[in-house]
Amino acid sequence: MPVITIRTKRSKSELSRAANGNINRWINSLIDEAIEPPNTSWREHFKKNRMRVNIDDVLEMRKSER
């Protein structure tokens, strides 16, 4: 398996947090999503894990930006 080195603008710890501890799996999934044709199954689309968003926090941040 070839090894590819990347240089990121983000720290390794920040990437590790975003990847839930497995940076290689996360980067490979990003590459697969970019290369493979989009999945047309809406069921699979909505089964993906998503980041939870607290709408009150979002509204508070938007209010403070004004």
PDB file of N, CA and C in Angstrom:
ATOM      1  N   MET A   1       0.852  -1.173   0.000  1.00  0.00           N
ATOM      2  CA  MET A   1       0.000   0.000   0.000  1.00  0.00           C
ATOM      3  C   MET A   1       0.905   1.246   0.000  1.00  0.00           C
ATOM      4  N   PRO A   2       0.669   2.180  -0.907  1.00  0.00           N
ATOM      5  CA  PRO A   2       1.499   3.383  -0.949  1.00  0.00           C
ATOM      6  C   PRO A   2       1.211   4.294   0.251  1.00  0.00           C
ATOM      7  N   VAL A   3       2.213   5.055   0.616  1.00  0.00           N
ATOM      8  CA  VAL A   3       2.077   6.001   1.719  1.00  0.00           C
ATOM      9  C   VAL A   3       2.067   7.400   1.130  1.00  0.00           C
ATOM     10  N   ILE A   4       1.098   8.187   1.538  1.00  0.00           N
ATOM     11  CA  ILE A   4       0.980   9.561   1.072  1.00  0.00           C
ATOM     12  C   ILE A   4       1.128  10.474   2.274  1.00  0.00           C
ATOM     13  N   THR A   5       1.960  11.476   2.144  1.00  0.00           N
ATOM     14  CA  THR A   5       2.146  12.443   3.216  1.00  0.00           C
ATOM     15  C   THR A   5       1.384  13.711   2.862  1.00  0.00           C
ATOM     16  N   ILE A   6       0.629  14.229   3.825  1.00  0.00           N
ATOM     17  CA  ILE A   6      -0.100  15.473   3.592  1.00  0.00           C
ATOM     18  C   ILE A   6       0.348  16.511   4.605  1.00  0.00           C
ATOM     19  N   ARG A   7       0.253  17.746   4.213  1.00  0.00           N
ATOM     20  CA  ARG A   7       0.567  18.855   5.121  1.00  0.00           C
ATOM     21  C   ARG A   7      -0.721  19.648   5.315  1.00  0.00           C
ATOM     22  N   THR A   8      -1.163  19.709   6.529  1.00  0.00           N
ATOM     23  CA  THR A   8      -2.417  20.377   6.814  1.00  0.00           C
ATOM     24  C   THR A   8      -2.195  21.700   7.525  1.00  0.00           C
ATOM     25  N   LYS A   9      -3.209  22.526   7.488  1.00  0.00           N
ATOM     26  CA  LYS A   9      -3.171  23.793   8.207  1.00  0.00           C
ATOM     27  C   LYS A   9      -3.557  23.597   9.668  1.00  0.00           C
ATOM     28  N   ARG A  10      -4.161  22.455   9.971  1.00  0.00           N
ATOM     29  CA  ARG A  10      -4.661  22.157  11.309  1.00  0.00           C
ATOM     30  C   ARG A  10      -3.680  21.270  12.065  1.00  0.00           C
ATOM     31  N   SER A  11      -3.741  21.333  13.386  1.00  0.00           N
ATOM     32  CA  SER A  11      -2.864  20.500  14.205  1.00  0.00           C
ATOM     33  C   SER A  11      -3.356  19.054  14.194  1.00  0.00           C
ATOM     34  N   LYS A  12      -2.454  18.140  14.525  1.00  0.00           N
ATOM     35  CA  LYS A  12      -2.808  16.725  14.543  1.00  0.00           C
ATOM     36  C   LYS A  12      -3.879  16.451  15.595  1.00  0.00           C
ATOM     37  N   SER A  13      -3.814  17.119  16.729  1.00  0.00           N
ATOM     38  CA  SER A  13      -4.820  16.894  17.772  1.00  0.00           C
ATOM     39  C   SER A  13      -6.202  17.361  17.323  1.00  0.00           C
ATOM     40  N   GLU A  14      -6.261  18.467  16.585  1.00  0.00           N
ATOM     41  CA  GLU A  14      -7.546  18.954  16.073  1.00  0.00           C
ATOM     42  C   GLU A  14      -8.127  17.972  15.052  1.00  0.00           C
ATOM     43  N   LEU A  15      -7.273  17.451  14.179  1.00  0.00           N
ATOM     44  CA  LEU A  15      -7.724  16.465  13.198  1.00  0.00           C
ATOM     45  C   LEU A  15      -8.185  15.178  13.884  1.00  0.00           C
ATOM     46  N   SER A  16      -7.465  14.778  14.912  1.00  0.00           N
ATOM     47  CA  SER A  16      -7.827  13.571  15.641  1.00  0.00           C
ATOM     48  C   SER A  16      -9.187  13.706  16.311  1.00  0.00           C
ATOM     49  N   ARG A  17      -9.477  14.875  16.860  1.00  0.00           N
ATOM     50  CA  ARG A  17     -10.795  15.118  17.466  1.00  0.00           C
ATOM     51  C   ARG A  17     -11.891  15.046  16.403  1.00  0.00           C
ATOM     52  N   ALA A  18     -11.650  15.666  15.262  1.00  0.00           N
ATOM     53  CA  ALA A  18     -12.649  15.662  14.180  1.00  0.00           C
ATOM     54  C   ALA A  18     -12.864  14.256  13.636  1.00  0.00           C
ATOM     55  N   ALA A  19     -11.811  13.447  13.657  1.00  0.00           N
ATOM     56  CA  ALA A  19     -11.875  12.093  13.112  1.00  0.00           C
ATOM     57  C   ALA A  19     -12.265  11.065  14.164  1.00  0.00           C
ATOM     58  N   ASN A  20     -12.595  11.519  15.362  1.00  0.00           N
ATOM     59  CA  ASN A  20     -12.931  10.613  16.471  1.00  0.00           C
ATOM     60  C   ASN A  20     -11.814   9.618  16.729  1.00  0.00           C
ATOM     61  N   GLY A  21     -10.576  10.083  16.632  1.00  0.00           N
ATOM     62  CA  GLY A  21      -9.419   9.267  16.990  1.00  0.00           C
ATOM     63  C   GLY A  21      -8.779   8.479  15.872  1.00  0.00           C
ATOM     64  N   ASN A  22      -9.428   8.312  14.732  1.00  0.00           N
ATOM     65  CA  ASN A  22      -8.854   7.510  13.651  1.00  0.00           C
ATOM     66  C   ASN A  22      -8.725   8.379  12.397  1.00  0.00           C
ATOM     67  N   ILE A  23      -7.595   9.067  12.294  1.00  0.00           N
ATOM     68  CA  ILE A  23      -7.376  10.017  11.197  1.00  0.00           C
ATOM     69  C   ILE A  23      -7.313   9.303   9.847  1.00  0.00           C
ATOM     70  N   ASN A  24      -6.633   8.160   9.777  1.00  0.00           N
ATOM     71  CA  ASN A  24      -6.508   7.442   8.498  1.00  0.00           C
ATOM     72  C   ASN A  24      -7.867   7.036   7.951  1.00  0.00           C
ATOM     73  N   ARG A  25      -8.715   6.459   8.807  1.00  0.00           N
ATOM     74  CA  ARG A  25     -10.048   6.036   8.353  1.00  0.00           C
ATOM     75  C   ARG A  25     -10.855   7.234   7.879  1.00  0.00           C
ATOM     76  N   TRP A  26     -10.744   8.340   8.619  1.00  0.00           N
ATOM     77  CA  TRP A  26     -11.491   9.555   8.291  1.00  0.00           C
ATOM     78  C   TRP A  26     -11.051  10.118   6.943  1.00  0.00           C
ATOM     79  N   ILE A  27      -9.740  10.227   6.738  1.00  0.00           N
ATOM     80  CA  ILE A  27      -9.218  10.757   5.469  1.00  0.00           C
ATOM     81  C   ILE A  27      -9.589   9.826   4.314  1.00  0.00           C
ATOM     82  N   ASN A  28      -9.492   8.512   4.540  1.00  0.00           N
ATOM     83  CA  ASN A  28      -9.877   7.563   3.483  1.00  0.00           C
ATOM     84  C   ASN A  28     -11.351   7.697   3.142  1.00  0.00           C
ATOM     85  N   SER A  29     -12.197   7.921   4.128  1.00  0.00           N
ATOM     86  CA  SER A  29     -13.623   8.079   3.834  1.00  0.00           C
ATOM     87  C   SER A  29     -13.872   9.369   3.054  1.00  0.00           C
ATOM     88  N   LEU A  30     -13.124  10.430   3.365  1.00  0.00           N
ATOM     89  CA  LEU A  30     -13.255  11.678   2.599  1.00  0.00           C
ATOM     90  C   LEU A  30     -12.838  11.478   1.150  1.00  0.00           C
ATOM     91  N   ILE A  31     -11.751  10.745   0.945  1.00  0.00           N
ATOM     92  CA  ILE A  31     -11.277  10.461  -0.410  1.00  0.00           C
ATOM     93  C   ILE A  31     -12.307   9.616  -1.159  1.00  0.00           C
ATOM     94  N   ASP A  32     -12.838   8.586  -0.493  1.00  0.00           N
ATOM     95  CA  ASP A  32     -13.852   7.731  -1.132  1.00  0.00           C
ATOM     96  C   ASP A  32     -15.079   8.537  -1.528  1.00  0.00           C
ATOM     97  N   GLU A  33     -15.530   9.423  -0.651  1.00  0.00           N
ATOM     98  CA  GLU A  33     -16.696  10.261  -0.969  1.00  0.00           C
ATOM     99  C   GLU A  33     -16.434  11.157  -2.175  1.00  0.00           C
ATOM    100  N   ALA A  34     -15.196  11.655  -2.289  1.00  0.00           N
ATOM    101  CA  ALA A  34     -14.858  12.556  -3.383  1.00  0.00           C
ATOM    102  C   ALA A  34     -14.723  11.811  -4.712  1.00  0.00           C
ATOM    103  N   ILE A  35     -14.268  10.564  -4.676  1.00  0.00           N
ATOM    104  CA  ILE A  35     -13.994   9.823  -5.905  1.00  0.00           C
ATOM    105  C   ILE A  35     -15.197   9.029  -6.387  1.00  0.00           C
ATOM    106  N   GLU A  36     -15.894   8.366  -5.479  1.00  0.00           N
ATOM    107  CA  GLU A  36     -16.999   7.502  -5.869  1.00  0.00           C
ATOM    108  C   GLU A  36     -18.215   8.321  -6.290  1.00  0.00           C
ATOM    109  N   PRO A  37     -19.031   7.757  -7.162  1.00  0.00           N
ATOM    110  CA  PRO A  37     -20.257   8.465  -7.542  1.00  0.00           C
ATOM    111  C   PRO A  37     -21.160   8.612  -6.314  1.00  0.00           C
ATOM    112  N   PRO A  38     -21.961   9.658  -6.279  1.00  0.00           N
ATOM    113  CA  PRO A  38     -22.815   9.867  -5.112  1.00  0.00           C
ATOM    114  C   PRO A  38     -23.816   8.730  -4.937  1.00  0.00           C
ATOM    115  N   ASN A  39     -24.087   8.433  -3.680  1.00  0.00           N
ATOM    116  CA  ASN A  39     -25.051   7.391  -3.343  1.00  0.00           C
ATOM    117  C   ASN A  39     -26.453   7.946  -3.549  1.00  0.00           C
ATOM    118  N   THR A  40     -27.263   7.252  -4.329  1.00  0.00           N
ATOM    119  CA  THR A  40     -28.598   7.754  -4.619  1.00  0.00           C
ATOM    120  C   THR A  40     -29.636   7.269  -3.605  1.00  0.00           C
ATOM    121  N   SER A  41     -29.202   6.467  -2.630  1.00  0.00           N
ATOM    122  CA  SER A  41     -30.118   5.946  -1.632  1.00  0.00           C
ATOM    123  C   SER A  41     -30.291   6.975  -0.514  1.00  0.00           C
ATOM    124  N   TRP A  42     -31.468   7.534  -0.413  1.00  0.00           N
ATOM    125  CA  TRP A  42     -31.727   8.518   0.644  1.00  0.00           C
ATOM    126  C   TRP A  42     -31.695   7.860   2.014  1.00  0.00           C
ATOM    127  N   ARG A  43     -32.076   6.601   2.081  1.00  0.00           N
ATOM    128  CA  ARG A  43     -32.055   5.880   3.354  1.00  0.00           C
ATOM    129  C   ARG A  43     -30.630   5.836   3.912  1.00  0.00           C
ATOM    130  N   GLU A  44     -29.672   5.502   3.052  1.00  0.00           N
ATOM    131  CA  GLU A  44     -28.269   5.476   3.468  1.00  0.00           C
ATOM    132  C   GLU A  44     -27.771   6.878   3.814  1.00  0.00           C
ATOM    133  N   HIS A  45     -28.204   7.847   3.046  1.00  0.00           N
ATOM    134  CA  HIS A  45     -27.792   9.226   3.292  1.00  0.00           C
ATOM    135  C   HIS A  45     -28.179   9.675   4.701  1.00  0.00           C
ATOM    136  N   PHE A  46     -29.401   9.383   5.109  1.00  0.00           N
ATOM    137  CA  PHE A  46     -29.879   9.833   6.410  1.00  0.00           C
ATOM    138  C   PHE A  46     -29.441   8.939   7.561  1.00  0.00           C
ATOM    139  N   LYS A  47     -28.868   7.767   7.261  1.00  0.00           N
ATOM    140  CA  LYS A  47     -28.329   6.905   8.313  1.00  0.00           C
ATOM    141  C   LYS A  47     -26.945   7.369   8.776  1.00  0.00           C
ATOM    142  N   LYS A  48     -26.262   8.195   7.976  1.00  0.00           N
ATOM    143  CA  LYS A  48     -24.920   8.645   8.331  1.00  0.00           C
ATOM    144  C   LYS A  48     -24.942   9.400   9.650  1.00  0.00           C
ATOM    145  N   ASN A  49     -23.869   9.219  10.411  1.00  0.00           N
ATOM    146  CA  ASN A  49     -23.742   9.966  11.661  1.00  0.00           C
ATOM    147  C   ASN A  49     -23.545  11.436  11.346  1.00  0.00           C
ATOM    148  N   ARG A  50     -24.268  12.256  12.026  1.00  0.00           N
ATOM    149  CA  ARG A  50     -24.199  13.700  11.818  1.00  0.00           C
ATOM    150  C   ARG A  50     -23.834  14.387  13.116  1.00  0.00           C
ATOM    151  N   MET A  51     -23.235  15.549  12.984  1.00  0.00           N
ATOM    152  CA  MET A  51     -22.906  16.337  14.155  1.00  0.00           C
ATOM    153  C   MET A  51     -24.192  16.896  14.755  1.00  0.00           C
ATOM    154  N   ARG A  52     -24.340  16.762  16.050  1.00  0.00           N
ATOM    155  CA  ARG A  52     -25.513  17.293  16.729  1.00  0.00           C
ATOM    156  C   ARG A  52     -25.372  18.802  16.851  1.00  0.00           C
ATOM    157  N   VAL A  53     -26.445  19.529  16.592  1.00  0.00           N
ATOM    158  CA  VAL A  53     -26.423  20.982  16.653  1.00  0.00           C
ATOM    159  C   VAL A  53     -27.495  21.448  17.636  1.00  0.00           C
ATOM    160  N   ASN A  54     -27.083  22.305  18.547  1.00  0.00           N
ATOM    161  CA  ASN A  54     -28.025  22.907  19.481  1.00  0.00           C
ATOM    162  C   ASN A  54     -28.450  24.244  18.877  1.00  0.00           C
ATOM    163  N   ILE A  55     -29.698  24.355  18.484  1.00  0.00           N
ATOM    164  CA  ILE A  55     -30.171  25.544  17.778  1.00  0.00           C
ATOM    165  C   ILE A  55     -30.062  26.797  18.644  1.00  0.00           C
ATOM    166  N   ASP A  56     -30.215  26.650  19.954  1.00  0.00           N
ATOM    167  CA  ASP A  56     -30.089  27.807  20.842  1.00  0.00           C
ATOM    168  C   ASP A  56     -28.673  28.377  20.809  1.00  0.00           C
ATOM    169  N   ASP A  57     -27.676  27.489  20.777  1.00  0.00           N
ATOM    170  CA  ASP A  57     -26.284  27.946  20.693  1.00  0.00           C
ATOM    171  C   ASP A  57     -26.023  28.657  19.371  1.00  0.00           C
ATOM    172  N   VAL A  58     -26.575  28.136  18.289  1.00  0.00           N
ATOM    173  CA  VAL A  58     -26.385  28.746  16.972  1.00  0.00           C
ATOM    174  C   VAL A  58     -27.003  30.143  16.944  1.00  0.00           C
ATOM    175  N   LEU A  59     -28.223  30.252  17.452  1.00  0.00           N
ATOM    176  CA  LEU A  59     -28.892  31.554  17.470  1.00  0.00           C
ATOM    177  C   LEU A  59     -28.145  32.547  18.347  1.00  0.00           C
ATOM    178  N   GLU A  60     -27.614  32.093  19.459  1.00  0.00           N
ATOM    179  CA  GLU A  60     -26.844  32.955  20.357  1.00  0.00           C
ATOM    180  C   GLU A  60     -25.572  33.446  19.670  1.00  0.00           C
ATOM    181  N   MET A  61     -24.888  32.563  18.949  1.00  0.00           N
ATOM    182  CA  MET A  61     -23.672  32.957  18.233  1.00  0.00           C
ATOM    183  C   MET A  61     -24.005  33.971  17.144  1.00  0.00           C
ATOM    184  N   ARG A  62     -25.080  33.751  16.422  1.00  0.00           N
ATOM    185  CA  ARG A  62     -25.480  34.681  15.357  1.00  0.00           C
ATOM    186  C   ARG A  62     -25.828  36.049  15.929  1.00  0.00           C
ATOM    187  N   LYS A  63     -26.469  36.034  17.095  1.00  0.00           N
ATOM    188  CA  LYS A  63     -26.848  37.297  17.719  1.00  0.00           C
ATOM    189  C   LYS A  63     -25.600  38.085  18.145  1.00  0.00           C
ATOM    190  N   SER A  64     -24.594  37.376  18.635  1.00  0.00           N
ATOM    191  CA  SER A  64     -23.373  38.044  19.072  1.00  0.00           C
ATOM    192  C   SER A  64     -22.529  38.539  17.896  1.00  0.00           C
ATOM    193  N   GLU A  65     -22.737  37.987  16.691  1.00  0.00           N
ATOM    194  CA  GLU A  65     -21.995  38.426  15.511  1.00  0.00           C
ATOM    195  C   GLU A  65     -22.485  39.767  14.991  1.00  0.00           C
ATOM    196  N   ARG A  66     -23.677  40.138  15.345  1.00  0.00           N
ATOM    197  CA  ARG A  66     -24.264  41.383  14.826  1.00  0.00           C
ATOM    198  C   ARG A  66     -23.749  42.579  15.520  1.00  0.00           C
TER     199      ARG A  66
END
